[in-house]
Amino acid sequence: MKLINIGFGNMVNSARIVAVISPESAPVKRIISDTRDRGDLVDATYGRRTRAVIICDSGHVILSALQPETVTARLTGKDDKLTKEEENEEEEAG
């Protein structure tokens, strides 16, 4: 099992991730709303703007304050370290 950091110390099992998408489109907003109503939404943004929506094979949807590209890079193993911007965001929130 490989865990992926999705920001602010939150981790997700990489084997359960089906998609990492941007939250701007109407269908994605509908998915978020429907999942919230079902009780399967995990908001890991700590009050920040949602920048990535992670869809899991269990039907859960996770909201992250990181860019989809950052989450994808961590998922593929190309970016194991936090960028300076992400470190600053976590320090400000902590």
C-alpha atoms as a PDB file:
ATOM      1  CA  MET A   1       0.000   0.000   0.000  1.00  0.00           C
ATOM      2  CA  LYS A   2       1.410   3.370  -1.032  1.00  0.00           C
ATOM      3  CA  LEU A   3       0.029   6.508   0.606  1.00  0.00           C
ATOM      4  CA  ILE A   4      -0.061   9.809  -1.266  1.00  0.00           C
ATOM      5  CA  ASN A   5       0.121  13.146   0.549  1.00  0.00           C
ATOM      6  CA  ILE A   6      -2.810  15.280  -0.648  1.00  0.00           C
ATOM      7  CA  GLY A   7      -1.894  18.311   1.457  1.00  0.00           C
ATOM      8  CA  PHE A   8      -1.790  19.311   5.119  1.00  0.00           C
ATOM      9  CA  GLY A   9      -0.536  15.885   6.154  1.00  0.00           C
ATOM     10  CA  ASN A  10      -3.559  14.028   4.751  1.00  0.00           C
ATOM     11  CA  MET A  11      -2.841  10.752   3.011  1.00  0.00           C
ATOM     12  CA  VAL A  12      -4.792   8.634   0.526  1.00  0.00           C
ATOM     13  CA  ASN A  13      -4.163   5.035  -0.536  1.00  0.00           C
ATOM     14  CA  SER A  14      -2.912   5.333  -4.121  1.00  0.00           C
ATOM     15  CA  ALA A  15      -4.411   1.967  -5.084  1.00  0.00           C
ATOM     16  CA  ARG A  16      -7.933   3.308  -4.429  1.00  0.00           C
ATOM     17  CA  ILE A  17      -7.641   6.412  -6.642  1.00  0.00           C
ATOM     18  CA  VAL A  18      -9.591   6.251  -9.901  1.00  0.00           C
ATOM     19  CA  ALA A  19      -9.262   9.859 -11.071  1.00  0.00           C
ATOM     20  CA  VAL A  20      -7.784  13.238 -10.125  1.00  0.00           C
ATOM     21  CA  ILE A  21      -9.740  16.051 -11.751  1.00  0.00           C
ATOM     22  CA  SER A  22     -10.245  19.799 -11.641  1.00  0.00           C
ATOM     23  CA  PRO A  23     -13.385  21.036  -9.821  1.00  0.00           C
ATOM     24  CA  GLU A  24     -14.468  23.751 -12.272  1.00  0.00           C
ATOM     25  CA  SER A  25     -16.910  21.952 -14.570  1.00  0.00           C
ATOM     26  CA  ALA A  26     -20.617  21.586 -13.836  1.00  0.00           C
ATOM     27  CA  PRO A  27     -20.568  17.748 -13.916  1.00  0.00           C
ATOM     28  CA  VAL A  28     -17.787  17.661 -11.314  1.00  0.00           C
ATOM     29  CA  LYS A  29     -19.683  20.124  -9.123  1.00  0.00           C
ATOM     30  CA  ARG A  30     -22.707  17.831  -9.414  1.00  0.00           C
ATOM     31  CA  ILE A  31     -20.593  14.820  -8.399  1.00  0.00           C
ATOM     32  CA  ILE A  32     -19.368  16.745  -5.343  1.00  0.00           C
ATOM     33  CA  SER A  33     -22.912  17.754  -4.400  1.00  0.00           C
ATOM     34  CA  ASP A  34     -24.309  14.235  -4.823  1.00  0.00           C
ATOM     35  CA  THR A  35     -21.448  12.735  -2.829  1.00  0.00           C
ATOM     36  CA  ARG A  36     -21.937  15.301  -0.053  1.00  0.00           C
ATOM     37  CA  ASP A  37     -25.629  14.343   0.128  1.00  0.00           C
ATOM     38  CA  ARG A  38     -24.700  10.636   0.378  1.00  0.00           C
ATOM     39  CA  GLY A  39     -22.171  11.360   3.118  1.00  0.00           C
ATOM     40  CA  ASP A  40     -19.194  10.046   1.154  1.00  0.00           C
ATOM     41  CA  LEU A  41     -17.384  13.380   0.697  1.00  0.00           C
ATOM     42  CA  VAL A  42     -14.049  13.968   2.432  1.00  0.00           C
ATOM     43  CA  ASP A  43     -13.031  17.630   2.544  1.00  0.00           C
ATOM     44  CA  ALA A  44      -9.260  17.795   3.084  1.00  0.00           C
ATOM     45  CA  THR A  45      -8.891  21.446   2.069  1.00  0.00           C
ATOM     46  CA  TYR A  46      -8.804  22.912   5.602  1.00  0.00           C
ATOM     47  CA  GLY A  47     -10.944  25.806   4.406  1.00  0.00           C
ATOM     48  CA  ARG A  48      -8.805  26.540   1.358  1.00  0.00           C
ATOM     49  CA  ARG A  49     -10.020  26.674  -2.199  1.00  0.00           C
ATOM     50  CA  THR A  50     -10.642  23.243  -3.753  1.00  0.00           C
ATOM     51  CA  ARG A  51      -8.181  22.715  -6.582  1.00  0.00           C
ATOM     52  CA  ALA A  52      -8.329  18.940  -7.064  1.00  0.00           C
ATOM     53  CA  VAL A  53     -11.101  16.386  -6.766  1.00  0.00           C
ATOM     54  CA  ILE A  54      -9.964  12.823  -6.124  1.00  0.00           C
ATOM     55  CA  ILE A  55     -12.430  10.082  -7.006  1.00  0.00           C
ATOM     56  CA  CYS A  56     -11.932   6.697  -5.338  1.00  0.00           C
ATOM     57  CA  ASP A  57     -13.097   3.234  -6.345  1.00  0.00           C
ATOM     58  CA  SER A  58     -15.176   3.033  -3.142  1.00  0.00           C
ATOM     59  CA  GLY A  59     -17.378   5.909  -4.323  1.00  0.00           C
ATOM     60  CA  HIS A  60     -15.779   8.407  -1.964  1.00  0.00           C
ATOM     61  CA  VAL A  61     -14.776  11.807  -3.286  1.00  0.00           C
ATOM     62  CA  ILE A  62     -11.905  13.707  -1.670  1.00  0.00           C
ATOM     63  CA  LEU A  63     -11.358  17.442  -2.043  1.00  0.00           C
ATOM     64  CA  SER A  64      -7.774  18.713  -1.962  1.00  0.00           C
ATOM     65  CA  ALA A  65      -6.254  22.189  -1.941  1.00  0.00           C
ATOM     66  CA  LEU A  66      -3.362  20.976  -4.124  1.00  0.00           C
ATOM     67  CA  GLN A  67      -3.325  21.296  -7.897  1.00  0.00           C
ATOM     68  CA  PRO A  68      -4.342  18.134  -9.816  1.00  0.00           C
ATOM     69  CA  GLU A  69      -0.883  18.135 -11.440  1.00  0.00           C
ATOM     70  CA  THR A  70       0.780  18.030  -8.008  1.00  0.00           C
ATOM     71  CA  VAL A  71      -1.378  15.132  -6.819  1.00  0.00           C
ATOM     72  CA  THR A  72      -0.757  13.272 -10.079  1.00  0.00           C
ATOM     73  CA  ALA A  73       2.999  13.824  -9.834  1.00  0.00           C
ATOM     74  CA  ARG A  74       2.978  12.393  -6.314  1.00  0.00           C
ATOM     75  CA  LEU A  75       0.853   9.497  -7.514  1.00  0.00           C
ATOM     76  CA  THR A  76       3.321   8.638 -10.268  1.00  0.00           C
ATOM     77  CA  GLY A  77       6.290   9.088  -7.935  1.00  0.00           C
ATOM     78  CA  LYS A  78       7.783  12.072  -9.750  1.00  0.00           C
ATOM     79  CA  ASP A  79       7.339  14.481  -6.826  1.00  0.00           C
ATOM     80  CA  ASP A  80       7.870  13.117  -3.327  1.00  0.00           C
ATOM     81  CA  LYS A  81       8.834  16.452  -1.773  1.00  0.00           C
ATOM     82  CA  LEU A  82       6.671  19.461  -1.056  1.00  0.00           C
ATOM     83  CA  THR A  83       7.220  22.537  -3.159  1.00  0.00           C
ATOM     84  CA  LYS A  84       8.115  25.771  -1.391  1.00  0.00           C
ATOM     85  CA  GLU A  85       4.603  27.144  -2.015  1.00  0.00           C
ATOM     86  CA  GLU A  86       2.946  24.086  -0.446  1.00  0.00           C
ATOM     87  CA  GLU A  87       5.306  24.211   2.558  1.00  0.00           C
ATOM     88  CA  ASN A  88       4.374  27.865   3.121  1.00  0.00           C
ATOM     89  CA  GLU A  89       0.641  27.070   2.872  1.00  0.00           C
ATOM     90  CA  GLU A  90       0.951  24.275   5.433  1.00  0.00           C
ATOM     91  CA  GLU A  91       2.965  26.490   7.823  1.00  0.00           C
ATOM     92  CA  GLU A  92       0.340  29.252   7.578  1.00  0.00           C
ATOM     93  CA  ALA A  93      -2.487  26.812   8.271  1.00  0.00           C
ATOM     94  CA  GLY A  94      -0.665  25.069  11.143  1.00  0.00           C
END
